[in-house]
């Protein structure tokens, strides 16, 4: 029911399981807001003054750590490069990295396919940004099967309305709708 619901569910789960949450900032304000509202401790990973990811000042990560990154970032517009994301995933294989990638359709960088190679990566996506359906609240999570099975158990079964679910199923399998949407989000340059 929207990527926001997935984010709050994940943050609650991490807090209950005493995970050390590290959030790249500035980033999507819901991370900070939810943690502060519910008293969930987290460490900020501040971007540089040029609004780039500051790998030299990344807090140390271990098997109890979860790193949350928004890329493409709202509000800064920066994007983590695939090489940098891979380096993080390889350097910290016991840490979970959550990539909030709901603006992927407006970027040239789509890191979703990396879930096939890394069991410590969760990618959040949404229909709300790429498709003109924000009110339907349709978000989704991409990860390897072991993670999706765990997270599926955390989500409320009735969180997605039947109308939203039907719409998502139709959109996913409608080639004409997909083609029109692709042209809107990635127009060709003449």
N, C-alpha and C. Protein backbone atom coordinates (compact mmCIF):
# COMPACT_ATOMS: atom_id res chain seq x y z
N UNK A 1 0.85 -1.20 0.00
CA UNK A 1 0.00 0.00 0.00
C UNK A 1 0.87 1.23 0.00
N UNK A 2 1.58 1.42 -1.06
CA UNK A 2 2.49 2.55 -1.16
C UNK A 2 3.82 2.22 -0.55
N UNK A 3 4.88 2.78 -1.10
CA UNK A 3 6.21 2.51 -0.56
C UNK A 3 6.35 3.07 0.85
N UNK A 4 5.57 4.11 1.18
CA UNK A 4 5.63 4.68 2.53
C UNK A 4 5.24 3.64 3.57
N UNK A 5 4.23 2.83 3.27
CA UNK A 5 3.81 1.77 4.19
C UNK A 5 4.91 0.73 4.35
N UNK A 6 5.58 0.41 3.25
CA UNK A 6 6.68 -0.55 3.32
C UNK A 6 7.82 0.02 4.17
N UNK A 7 8.13 1.29 3.96
CA UNK A 7 9.20 1.94 4.73
C UNK A 7 8.90 1.92 6.22
N UNK A 8 7.70 2.32 6.61
CA UNK A 8 7.39 2.35 8.04
C UNK A 8 7.37 0.95 8.63
N UNK A 9 6.90 -0.02 7.88
CA UNK A 9 6.91 -1.41 8.36
C UNK A 9 8.34 -1.88 8.56
N UNK A 10 9.21 -1.59 7.60
CA UNK A 10 10.62 -1.99 7.73
C UNK A 10 11.29 -1.30 8.92
N UNK A 11 11.08 0.00 9.07
CA UNK A 11 11.69 0.72 10.19
C UNK A 11 11.23 0.15 11.53
N UNK A 12 9.95 -0.15 11.64
CA UNK A 12 9.44 -0.75 12.88
C UNK A 12 10.07 -2.11 13.13
N UNK A 13 10.16 -2.92 12.09
CA UNK A 13 10.76 -4.25 12.21
C UNK A 13 12.23 -4.15 12.63
N UNK A 14 12.98 -3.24 11.99
CA UNK A 14 14.39 -3.07 12.34
C UNK A 14 14.54 -2.62 13.79
N UNK A 15 13.68 -1.71 14.22
CA UNK A 15 13.76 -1.21 15.59
C UNK A 15 13.46 -2.31 16.60
N UNK A 16 12.41 -3.08 16.35
CA UNK A 16 12.04 -4.18 17.26
C UNK A 16 13.18 -5.19 17.37
N UNK A 17 13.88 -5.42 16.25
CA UNK A 17 14.98 -6.38 16.23
C UNK A 17 16.33 -5.75 16.54
N UNK A 18 16.29 -4.55 17.08
CA UNK A 18 17.47 -3.83 17.56
C UNK A 18 18.57 -3.72 16.50
N UNK A 19 18.15 -3.42 15.29
CA UNK A 19 19.11 -3.16 14.21
C UNK A 19 19.62 -1.74 14.36
N UNK A 20 20.83 -1.52 13.94
CA UNK A 20 21.43 -0.19 13.93
C UNK A 20 21.08 0.44 12.59
N UNK A 21 20.23 1.44 12.60
CA UNK A 21 19.74 2.06 11.38
C UNK A 21 20.60 3.28 11.04
N UNK A 22 21.10 3.30 9.81
CA UNK A 22 21.87 4.43 9.29
C UNK A 22 21.09 4.96 8.09
N UNK A 23 20.82 6.27 8.09
CA UNK A 23 20.01 6.87 7.03
C UNK A 23 20.81 7.97 6.33
N UNK A 24 20.96 7.84 5.00
CA UNK A 24 21.61 8.88 4.21
C UNK A 24 20.72 10.12 4.22
N UNK A 25 21.33 11.28 4.53
CA UNK A 25 20.55 12.51 4.65
C UNK A 25 21.26 13.69 4.01
N UNK A 26 20.54 14.64 3.40
CA UNK A 26 19.09 14.63 3.33
C UNK A 26 18.60 13.56 2.37
N UNK A 27 17.40 13.15 2.60
CA UNK A 27 16.75 12.12 1.80
C UNK A 27 15.26 12.22 2.01
N UNK A 28 14.56 11.17 1.69
CA UNK A 28 13.11 11.16 1.85
C UNK A 28 12.76 11.43 3.32
N UNK A 29 11.98 12.45 3.57
CA UNK A 29 11.72 12.92 4.93
C UNK A 29 10.98 11.91 5.79
N UNK A 30 10.30 10.94 5.20
CA UNK A 30 9.56 9.95 5.99
C UNK A 30 10.50 9.15 6.89
N UNK A 31 11.71 8.85 6.44
CA UNK A 31 12.64 8.09 7.28
C UNK A 31 12.86 8.81 8.60
N UNK A 32 13.25 10.07 8.52
CA UNK A 32 13.52 10.87 9.71
C UNK A 32 12.25 11.07 10.54
N UNK A 33 11.17 11.43 9.88
CA UNK A 33 9.90 11.70 10.57
C UNK A 33 9.42 10.47 11.34
N UNK A 34 9.41 9.31 10.70
CA UNK A 34 8.90 8.10 11.36
C UNK A 34 9.79 7.72 12.55
N UNK A 35 11.10 7.79 12.35
CA UNK A 35 12.01 7.45 13.45
C UNK A 35 11.82 8.38 14.64
N UNK A 36 11.72 9.66 14.38
CA UNK A 36 11.54 10.62 15.48
C UNK A 36 10.17 10.45 16.14
N UNK A 37 9.14 10.22 15.37
CA UNK A 37 7.79 10.08 15.92
C UNK A 37 7.68 8.86 16.82
N UNK A 38 8.32 7.77 16.44
CA UNK A 38 8.20 6.52 17.20
C UNK A 38 9.42 6.22 18.07
N UNK A 39 10.31 7.19 18.22
CA UNK A 39 11.47 7.01 19.09
C UNK A 39 12.43 5.95 18.61
N UNK A 40 12.56 5.78 17.30
CA UNK A 40 13.47 4.79 16.74
C UNK A 40 14.83 5.44 16.55
N UNK A 41 15.85 4.96 17.25
CA UNK A 41 17.17 5.57 17.10
C UNK A 41 17.77 5.27 15.72
N UNK A 42 18.47 6.26 15.18
CA UNK A 42 19.18 6.06 13.91
C UNK A 42 20.37 7.01 13.87
N UNK A 43 21.30 6.69 12.98
CA UNK A 43 22.45 7.55 12.76
C UNK A 43 22.34 8.16 11.38
N UNK A 44 22.57 9.47 11.26
CA UNK A 44 22.56 10.06 9.92
C UNK A 44 23.89 9.81 9.21
N UNK A 45 23.81 9.60 7.91
CA UNK A 45 24.99 9.59 7.05
C UNK A 45 24.82 10.80 6.15
N UNK A 46 25.49 11.88 6.49
CA UNK A 46 25.29 13.15 5.81
C UNK A 46 25.98 13.19 4.46
N UNK A 47 25.27 13.74 3.48
CA UNK A 47 25.86 13.97 2.17
C UNK A 47 26.91 15.07 2.29
N UNK A 48 27.77 15.17 1.29
CA UNK A 48 28.77 16.24 1.28
C UNK A 48 28.07 17.56 0.98
N UNK A 49 28.81 18.67 1.07
CA UNK A 49 28.24 19.97 0.73
C UNK A 49 27.82 20.04 -0.73
N UNK A 50 28.43 19.21 -1.58
CA UNK A 50 28.07 19.14 -3.00
C UNK A 50 26.89 18.16 -3.21
N UNK A 51 26.31 17.69 -2.11
CA UNK A 51 25.16 16.76 -2.12
C UNK A 51 25.48 15.43 -2.77
N UNK A 52 26.71 14.95 -2.55
CA UNK A 52 27.12 13.64 -3.02
C UNK A 52 27.25 12.71 -1.81
N UNK A 53 27.24 11.40 -2.05
CA UNK A 53 27.41 10.44 -0.97
C UNK A 53 28.85 10.51 -0.47
N UNK A 54 28.99 10.64 0.85
CA UNK A 54 30.29 10.85 1.49
C UNK A 54 30.81 9.51 2.03
N UNK A 55 31.43 8.73 1.17
CA UNK A 55 31.86 7.38 1.54
C UNK A 55 32.96 7.39 2.58
N UNK A 56 33.74 8.46 2.64
CA UNK A 56 34.80 8.55 3.64
C UNK A 56 34.23 8.71 5.05
N UNK A 57 33.02 9.23 5.17
CA UNK A 57 32.41 9.45 6.48
C UNK A 57 31.18 8.58 6.73
N UNK A 58 31.10 7.47 6.02
CA UNK A 58 30.02 6.51 6.26
C UNK A 58 30.23 5.89 7.64
N UNK A 59 29.20 5.93 8.49
CA UNK A 59 29.34 5.26 9.79
C UNK A 59 29.68 3.78 9.58
N UNK A 60 30.47 3.19 10.49
CA UNK A 60 30.84 1.78 10.32
C UNK A 60 29.60 0.89 10.33
N UNK A 61 29.58 -0.10 9.45
CA UNK A 61 28.45 -1.02 9.34
C UNK A 61 28.88 -2.42 9.73
N UNK A 62 27.97 -3.17 10.36
CA UNK A 62 28.23 -4.55 10.72
C UNK A 62 26.97 -5.38 10.50
N UNK A 63 26.96 -6.60 11.03
CA UNK A 63 25.82 -7.51 10.79
C UNK A 63 24.51 -7.03 11.41
N UNK A 64 24.57 -6.09 12.33
CA UNK A 64 23.34 -5.55 12.94
C UNK A 64 22.91 -4.24 12.28
N UNK A 65 23.59 -3.84 11.19
CA UNK A 65 23.33 -2.55 10.57
C UNK A 65 22.39 -2.64 9.38
N UNK A 66 21.61 -1.58 9.21
CA UNK A 66 20.76 -1.38 8.04
C UNK A 66 21.06 0.02 7.51
N UNK A 67 21.45 0.10 6.25
CA UNK A 67 21.74 1.39 5.62
C UNK A 67 20.59 1.73 4.68
N UNK A 68 19.99 2.90 4.88
CA UNK A 68 18.86 3.34 4.07
C UNK A 68 19.33 4.48 3.17
N UNK A 69 19.16 4.30 1.86
CA UNK A 69 19.61 5.28 0.87
C UNK A 69 18.44 5.61 -0.05
N UNK A 70 18.22 6.89 -0.32
CA UNK A 70 17.23 7.31 -1.30
C UNK A 70 17.97 7.69 -2.57
N UNK A 71 17.70 6.96 -3.66
CA UNK A 71 18.38 7.23 -4.93
C UNK A 71 17.54 6.70 -6.08
N UNK A 72 17.16 7.56 -6.99
CA UNK A 72 17.38 8.99 -7.06
C UNK A 72 16.77 9.68 -5.83
N UNK A 73 17.52 10.65 -5.36
CA UNK A 73 17.18 11.28 -4.09
C UNK A 73 16.16 12.40 -4.27
N UNK A 74 15.22 12.41 -3.37
CA UNK A 74 14.29 13.52 -3.23
C UNK A 74 14.56 14.06 -1.82
N UNK A 75 15.09 15.21 -1.66
CA UNK A 75 14.96 16.41 -2.48
C UNK A 75 16.20 16.79 -3.29
N UNK A 76 17.34 16.12 -3.15
CA UNK A 76 18.58 16.62 -3.75
C UNK A 76 18.76 16.30 -5.22
N UNK A 77 18.15 15.23 -5.70
CA UNK A 77 18.28 14.83 -7.09
C UNK A 77 19.52 14.00 -7.39
N UNK A 78 20.38 13.76 -6.39
CA UNK A 78 21.58 12.96 -6.66
C UNK A 78 21.22 11.47 -6.75
N UNK A 79 22.13 10.73 -7.36
CA UNK A 79 21.93 9.29 -7.55
C UNK A 79 23.21 8.56 -7.19
N UNK A 80 23.06 7.46 -6.48
CA UNK A 80 24.24 6.65 -6.18
C UNK A 80 24.60 5.88 -7.46
N UNK A 81 25.86 5.86 -7.78
CA UNK A 81 26.31 5.15 -8.98
C UNK A 81 26.30 3.64 -8.71
N UNK A 82 26.09 2.87 -9.76
CA UNK A 82 26.04 1.41 -9.61
C UNK A 82 27.34 0.88 -9.01
N UNK A 83 28.46 1.40 -9.47
CA UNK A 83 29.76 0.96 -8.95
C UNK A 83 29.84 1.20 -7.44
N UNK A 84 29.39 2.36 -6.98
CA UNK A 84 29.43 2.69 -5.55
C UNK A 84 28.50 1.78 -4.76
N UNK A 85 27.31 1.54 -5.28
CA UNK A 85 26.36 0.66 -4.58
C UNK A 85 26.93 -0.75 -4.49
N UNK A 86 27.49 -1.25 -5.57
CA UNK A 86 28.10 -2.59 -5.54
C UNK A 86 29.22 -2.65 -4.52
N UNK A 87 30.04 -1.61 -4.47
CA UNK A 87 31.15 -1.59 -3.50
C UNK A 87 30.62 -1.67 -2.07
N UNK A 88 29.52 -0.96 -1.78
CA UNK A 88 28.92 -1.04 -0.45
C UNK A 88 28.39 -2.44 -0.17
N UNK A 89 27.68 -3.01 -1.14
CA UNK A 89 27.10 -4.34 -0.96
C UNK A 89 28.18 -5.40 -0.74
N UNK A 90 29.30 -5.25 -1.43
CA UNK A 90 30.41 -6.21 -1.29
C UNK A 90 31.17 -5.96 0.02
N UNK A 91 31.41 -4.71 0.35
CA UNK A 91 32.18 -4.38 1.55
C UNK A 91 31.44 -4.74 2.84
N UNK A 92 30.10 -4.70 2.79
CA UNK A 92 29.30 -4.97 3.99
C UNK A 92 28.25 -6.05 3.71
N UNK A 93 28.69 -7.27 3.42
CA UNK A 93 27.73 -8.32 3.03
C UNK A 93 26.78 -8.74 4.15
N UNK A 94 27.14 -8.45 5.40
CA UNK A 94 26.27 -8.80 6.53
C UNK A 94 25.29 -7.69 6.87
N UNK A 95 25.48 -6.53 6.26
CA UNK A 95 24.58 -5.40 6.49
C UNK A 95 23.50 -5.39 5.41
N UNK A 96 22.33 -4.97 5.79
CA UNK A 96 21.23 -4.85 4.84
C UNK A 96 21.23 -3.43 4.28
N UNK A 97 21.11 -3.31 2.97
CA UNK A 97 21.03 -2.00 2.33
C UNK A 97 19.66 -1.87 1.68
N UNK A 98 18.93 -0.84 2.11
CA UNK A 98 17.60 -0.57 1.57
C UNK A 98 17.72 0.65 0.67
N UNK A 99 17.39 0.45 -0.61
CA UNK A 99 17.47 1.52 -1.59
C UNK A 99 16.05 1.98 -1.94
N UNK A 100 15.71 3.18 -1.50
CA UNK A 100 14.42 3.77 -1.84
C UNK A 100 14.58 4.35 -3.25
N UNK A 101 14.06 3.62 -4.24
CA UNK A 101 14.27 3.98 -5.64
C UNK A 101 12.96 4.30 -6.35
N UNK A 102 12.06 4.99 -5.66
CA UNK A 102 10.74 5.26 -6.25
C UNK A 102 10.79 6.23 -7.43
N UNK A 103 11.89 6.96 -7.57
CA UNK A 103 12.02 7.89 -8.70
C UNK A 103 12.87 7.30 -9.84
N UNK A 104 13.09 6.01 -9.84
CA UNK A 104 13.94 5.37 -10.84
C UNK A 104 13.52 5.69 -12.27
N UNK A 105 12.23 5.75 -12.51
CA UNK A 105 11.77 5.99 -13.88
C UNK A 105 12.18 7.37 -14.42
N UNK A 106 12.60 8.25 -13.55
CA UNK A 106 13.02 9.59 -13.97
C UNK A 106 14.54 9.72 -13.96
N UNK A 107 15.22 8.60 -14.00
CA UNK A 107 16.68 8.58 -13.93
C UNK A 107 17.21 7.59 -14.95
N UNK A 108 18.48 7.71 -15.24
CA UNK A 108 19.13 6.73 -16.12
C UNK A 108 19.67 5.55 -15.31
N UNK A 109 19.59 5.62 -14.00
CA UNK A 109 20.15 4.59 -13.13
C UNK A 109 19.04 3.73 -12.52
N UNK A 110 18.99 2.48 -12.92
CA UNK A 110 18.04 1.53 -12.33
C UNK A 110 18.85 0.38 -11.73
N UNK A 111 18.92 0.35 -10.41
CA UNK A 111 19.73 -0.65 -9.72
C UNK A 111 18.92 -1.88 -9.28
N UNK A 112 17.68 -1.95 -9.69
CA UNK A 112 16.80 -3.03 -9.24
C UNK A 112 17.37 -4.40 -9.58
N UNK A 113 17.96 -4.56 -10.73
CA UNK A 113 18.46 -5.87 -11.16
C UNK A 113 19.57 -6.40 -10.25
N UNK A 114 20.19 -5.53 -9.45
CA UNK A 114 21.26 -5.98 -8.55
C UNK A 114 20.76 -6.93 -7.47
N UNK A 115 19.44 -6.97 -7.27
CA UNK A 115 18.92 -7.92 -6.27
C UNK A 115 19.25 -9.36 -6.65
N UNK A 116 19.45 -9.62 -7.94
CA UNK A 116 19.79 -10.97 -8.38
C UNK A 116 21.17 -11.40 -7.90
N UNK A 117 22.05 -10.45 -7.66
CA UNK A 117 23.43 -10.75 -7.27
C UNK A 117 23.73 -10.53 -5.80
N UNK A 118 22.85 -9.80 -5.10
CA UNK A 118 23.14 -9.44 -3.71
C UNK A 118 21.96 -9.75 -2.80
N UNK A 119 22.20 -10.64 -1.85
CA UNK A 119 21.13 -11.03 -0.92
C UNK A 119 20.92 -9.99 0.18
N UNK A 120 21.78 -8.98 0.24
CA UNK A 120 21.66 -7.95 1.28
C UNK A 120 21.08 -6.64 0.73
N UNK A 121 20.37 -6.71 -0.41
CA UNK A 121 19.80 -5.52 -1.02
C UNK A 121 18.28 -5.62 -1.12
N UNK A 122 17.62 -4.55 -0.68
CA UNK A 122 16.18 -4.37 -0.86
C UNK A 122 16.00 -3.10 -1.67
N UNK A 123 15.20 -3.17 -2.73
CA UNK A 123 14.92 -1.99 -3.56
C UNK A 123 13.42 -1.70 -3.46
N UNK A 124 13.08 -0.48 -3.10
CA UNK A 124 11.69 -0.05 -3.01
C UNK A 124 11.32 0.70 -4.28
N UNK A 125 10.16 0.36 -4.83
CA UNK A 125 9.68 1.01 -6.05
C UNK A 125 8.23 1.41 -5.82
N UNK A 126 7.69 2.17 -6.78
CA UNK A 126 6.32 2.67 -6.63
C UNK A 126 5.70 2.94 -7.99
N UNK A 127 4.40 2.74 -8.06
CA UNK A 127 3.66 3.15 -9.24
C UNK A 127 3.31 4.64 -9.15
N UNK A 128 3.38 5.21 -7.96
CA UNK A 128 2.91 6.58 -7.72
C UNK A 128 3.69 7.63 -8.49
N UNK A 129 4.96 7.42 -8.72
CA UNK A 129 5.77 8.43 -9.40
C UNK A 129 5.75 8.26 -10.91
N UNK A 130 5.94 7.04 -11.38
CA UNK A 130 6.04 6.79 -12.81
C UNK A 130 4.69 6.81 -13.51
N UNK A 131 3.67 6.38 -12.82
CA UNK A 131 2.34 6.34 -13.39
C UNK A 131 1.49 7.41 -12.71
N UNK A 132 0.50 7.91 -13.36
CA UNK A 132 -0.32 8.97 -12.76
C UNK A 132 -1.37 8.41 -11.80
N UNK A 133 -0.92 7.65 -10.79
CA UNK A 133 -1.87 6.97 -9.90
C UNK A 133 -1.47 7.08 -8.44
N UNK A 134 -0.97 8.22 -8.01
CA UNK A 134 -0.50 8.35 -6.63
C UNK A 134 -1.57 8.02 -5.60
N UNK A 135 -2.82 8.35 -5.90
CA UNK A 135 -3.90 8.10 -4.95
C UNK A 135 -4.20 6.64 -4.72
N UNK A 136 -3.74 5.77 -5.60
CA UNK A 136 -4.00 4.34 -5.42
C UNK A 136 -3.06 3.70 -4.41
N UNK A 137 -1.95 4.37 -4.08
CA UNK A 137 -1.00 3.89 -3.06
C UNK A 137 -0.51 2.49 -3.39
N UNK A 138 0.18 2.35 -4.51
CA UNK A 138 0.72 1.05 -4.92
C UNK A 138 2.24 1.12 -4.93
N UNK A 139 2.85 0.57 -3.93
CA UNK A 139 4.30 0.48 -3.85
C UNK A 139 4.68 -0.98 -3.82
N UNK A 140 5.96 -1.26 -4.11
CA UNK A 140 6.40 -2.64 -4.05
C UNK A 140 7.86 -2.72 -3.69
N UNK A 141 8.27 -3.90 -3.31
CA UNK A 141 9.60 -4.16 -2.82
C UNK A 141 10.22 -5.24 -3.69
N UNK A 142 11.48 -5.08 -4.04
CA UNK A 142 12.22 -6.07 -4.81
C UNK A 142 13.40 -6.55 -3.98
N UNK A 143 13.55 -7.86 -3.86
CA UNK A 143 14.67 -8.45 -3.12
C UNK A 143 14.69 -9.94 -3.44
N UNK A 144 15.71 -10.60 -2.94
CA UNK A 144 15.76 -12.05 -3.13
C UNK A 144 14.65 -12.71 -2.31
N UNK A 145 14.30 -13.92 -2.71
CA UNK A 145 13.14 -14.62 -2.16
C UNK A 145 13.17 -14.74 -0.63
N UNK A 146 14.34 -14.95 -0.05
CA UNK A 146 14.40 -15.10 1.41
C UNK A 146 13.96 -13.83 2.12
N UNK A 147 14.31 -12.67 1.57
CA UNK A 147 13.89 -11.39 2.17
C UNK A 147 12.42 -11.10 1.90
N UNK A 148 11.97 -11.34 0.68
CA UNK A 148 10.57 -11.04 0.37
C UNK A 148 9.63 -11.92 1.18
N UNK A 149 10.01 -13.16 1.44
CA UNK A 149 9.17 -14.05 2.26
C UNK A 149 9.04 -13.50 3.68
N UNK A 150 10.14 -13.03 4.24
CA UNK A 150 10.12 -12.45 5.58
C UNK A 150 9.24 -11.20 5.61
N UNK A 151 9.46 -10.31 4.66
CA UNK A 151 8.75 -9.03 4.65
C UNK A 151 7.26 -9.23 4.34
N UNK A 152 6.93 -10.18 3.50
CA UNK A 152 5.52 -10.46 3.20
C UNK A 152 4.77 -10.78 4.50
N UNK A 153 5.42 -11.47 5.42
CA UNK A 153 4.78 -11.80 6.70
C UNK A 153 4.57 -10.58 7.59
N UNK A 154 5.32 -9.51 7.35
CA UNK A 154 5.19 -8.30 8.15
C UNK A 154 4.05 -7.39 7.68
N UNK A 155 3.70 -7.52 6.40
CA UNK A 155 2.71 -6.62 5.80
C UNK A 155 1.29 -7.08 6.11
N UNK A 156 0.40 -6.13 6.30
CA UNK A 156 -1.00 -6.46 6.50
C UNK A 156 -1.60 -6.95 5.19
N UNK A 157 -2.36 -8.02 5.24
CA UNK A 157 -2.94 -8.60 4.03
C UNK A 157 -3.90 -7.65 3.34
N UNK A 158 -4.59 -6.82 4.10
CA UNK A 158 -5.62 -5.95 3.54
C UNK A 158 -5.11 -4.53 3.29
N UNK A 159 -3.79 -4.34 3.30
CA UNK A 159 -3.23 -3.00 3.13
C UNK A 159 -3.45 -2.46 1.71
N UNK A 160 -3.54 -3.33 0.74
CA UNK A 160 -3.77 -2.92 -0.64
C UNK A 160 -5.25 -3.14 -0.96
N UNK A 161 -5.92 -2.08 -1.41
CA UNK A 161 -7.35 -2.21 -1.71
C UNK A 161 -7.54 -3.10 -2.94
N UNK A 162 -8.69 -3.75 -3.04
CA UNK A 162 -8.95 -4.58 -4.23
C UNK A 162 -8.88 -3.77 -5.53
N UNK A 163 -9.35 -2.52 -5.51
CA UNK A 163 -9.29 -1.68 -6.70
C UNK A 163 -7.84 -1.41 -7.10
N UNK A 164 -7.00 -1.06 -6.13
CA UNK A 164 -5.59 -0.80 -6.40
C UNK A 164 -4.90 -2.05 -6.93
N UNK A 165 -5.22 -3.19 -6.33
CA UNK A 165 -4.61 -4.45 -6.76
C UNK A 165 -5.02 -4.79 -8.20
N UNK A 166 -6.28 -4.62 -8.53
CA UNK A 166 -6.76 -4.89 -9.88
C UNK A 166 -6.09 -3.95 -10.88
N UNK A 167 -5.99 -2.68 -10.54
CA UNK A 167 -5.34 -1.72 -11.42
C UNK A 167 -3.89 -2.11 -11.67
N UNK A 168 -3.16 -2.45 -10.60
CA UNK A 168 -1.75 -2.82 -10.74
C UNK A 168 -1.60 -4.04 -11.65
N UNK A 169 -2.47 -5.02 -11.49
CA UNK A 169 -2.40 -6.21 -12.34
C UNK A 169 -2.64 -5.85 -13.80
N UNK A 170 -3.59 -4.98 -14.06
CA UNK A 170 -3.89 -4.58 -15.43
C UNK A 170 -2.72 -3.79 -16.03
N UNK A 171 -2.16 -2.87 -15.28
CA UNK A 171 -1.05 -2.05 -15.78
C UNK A 171 0.17 -2.91 -16.08
N UNK A 172 0.46 -3.84 -15.21
CA UNK A 172 1.65 -4.67 -15.40
C UNK A 172 1.60 -5.47 -16.69
N UNK A 173 0.41 -5.81 -17.15
CA UNK A 173 0.28 -6.66 -18.32
C UNK A 173 -0.31 -5.95 -19.53
N UNK A 174 -0.37 -4.63 -19.49
CA UNK A 174 -0.90 -3.85 -20.61
C UNK A 174 0.27 -3.20 -21.35
N UNK A 175 0.66 -3.80 -22.49
CA UNK A 175 1.82 -3.32 -23.24
C UNK A 175 1.62 -1.89 -23.74
N UNK A 176 0.41 -1.54 -24.15
CA UNK A 176 0.16 -0.19 -24.65
C UNK A 176 0.35 0.85 -23.54
N UNK A 177 -0.15 0.57 -22.35
CA UNK A 177 0.01 1.49 -21.22
C UNK A 177 1.48 1.62 -20.86
N UNK A 178 2.19 0.51 -20.85
CA UNK A 178 3.62 0.53 -20.53
C UNK A 178 4.38 1.38 -21.54
N UNK A 179 4.06 1.25 -22.81
CA UNK A 179 4.76 2.00 -23.86
C UNK A 179 4.52 3.50 -23.72
N UNK A 180 3.27 3.90 -23.49
CA UNK A 180 2.94 5.32 -23.32
C UNK A 180 3.65 5.87 -22.10
N UNK A 181 3.64 5.13 -21.01
CA UNK A 181 4.30 5.59 -19.80
C UNK A 181 5.80 5.70 -20.01
N UNK A 182 6.40 4.77 -20.69
CA UNK A 182 7.84 4.82 -20.95
C UNK A 182 8.19 6.08 -21.74
N UNK A 183 7.36 6.45 -22.68
CA UNK A 183 7.61 7.65 -23.48
C UNK A 183 7.49 8.91 -22.64
N UNK A 184 6.58 8.91 -21.68
CA UNK A 184 6.42 10.08 -20.80
C UNK A 184 7.59 10.26 -19.86
N UNK A 185 8.12 9.17 -19.31
CA UNK A 185 9.18 9.27 -18.32
C UNK A 185 10.58 9.29 -18.94
N UNK A 186 10.73 8.76 -20.16
CA UNK A 186 12.02 8.77 -20.86
C UNK A 186 11.80 9.21 -22.30
N UNK A 187 11.44 10.49 -22.51
CA UNK A 187 11.22 10.93 -23.88
C UNK A 187 12.52 10.87 -24.69
N UNK A 188 12.38 10.55 -25.94
CA UNK A 188 13.56 10.49 -26.79
C UNK A 188 13.95 11.89 -27.22
N UNK A 189 15.23 12.11 -27.35
CA UNK A 189 15.73 13.41 -27.78
C UNK A 189 15.84 13.43 -29.29
N UNK A 190 15.35 14.47 -29.92
CA UNK A 190 15.42 14.57 -31.38
C UNK A 190 16.53 15.51 -31.77
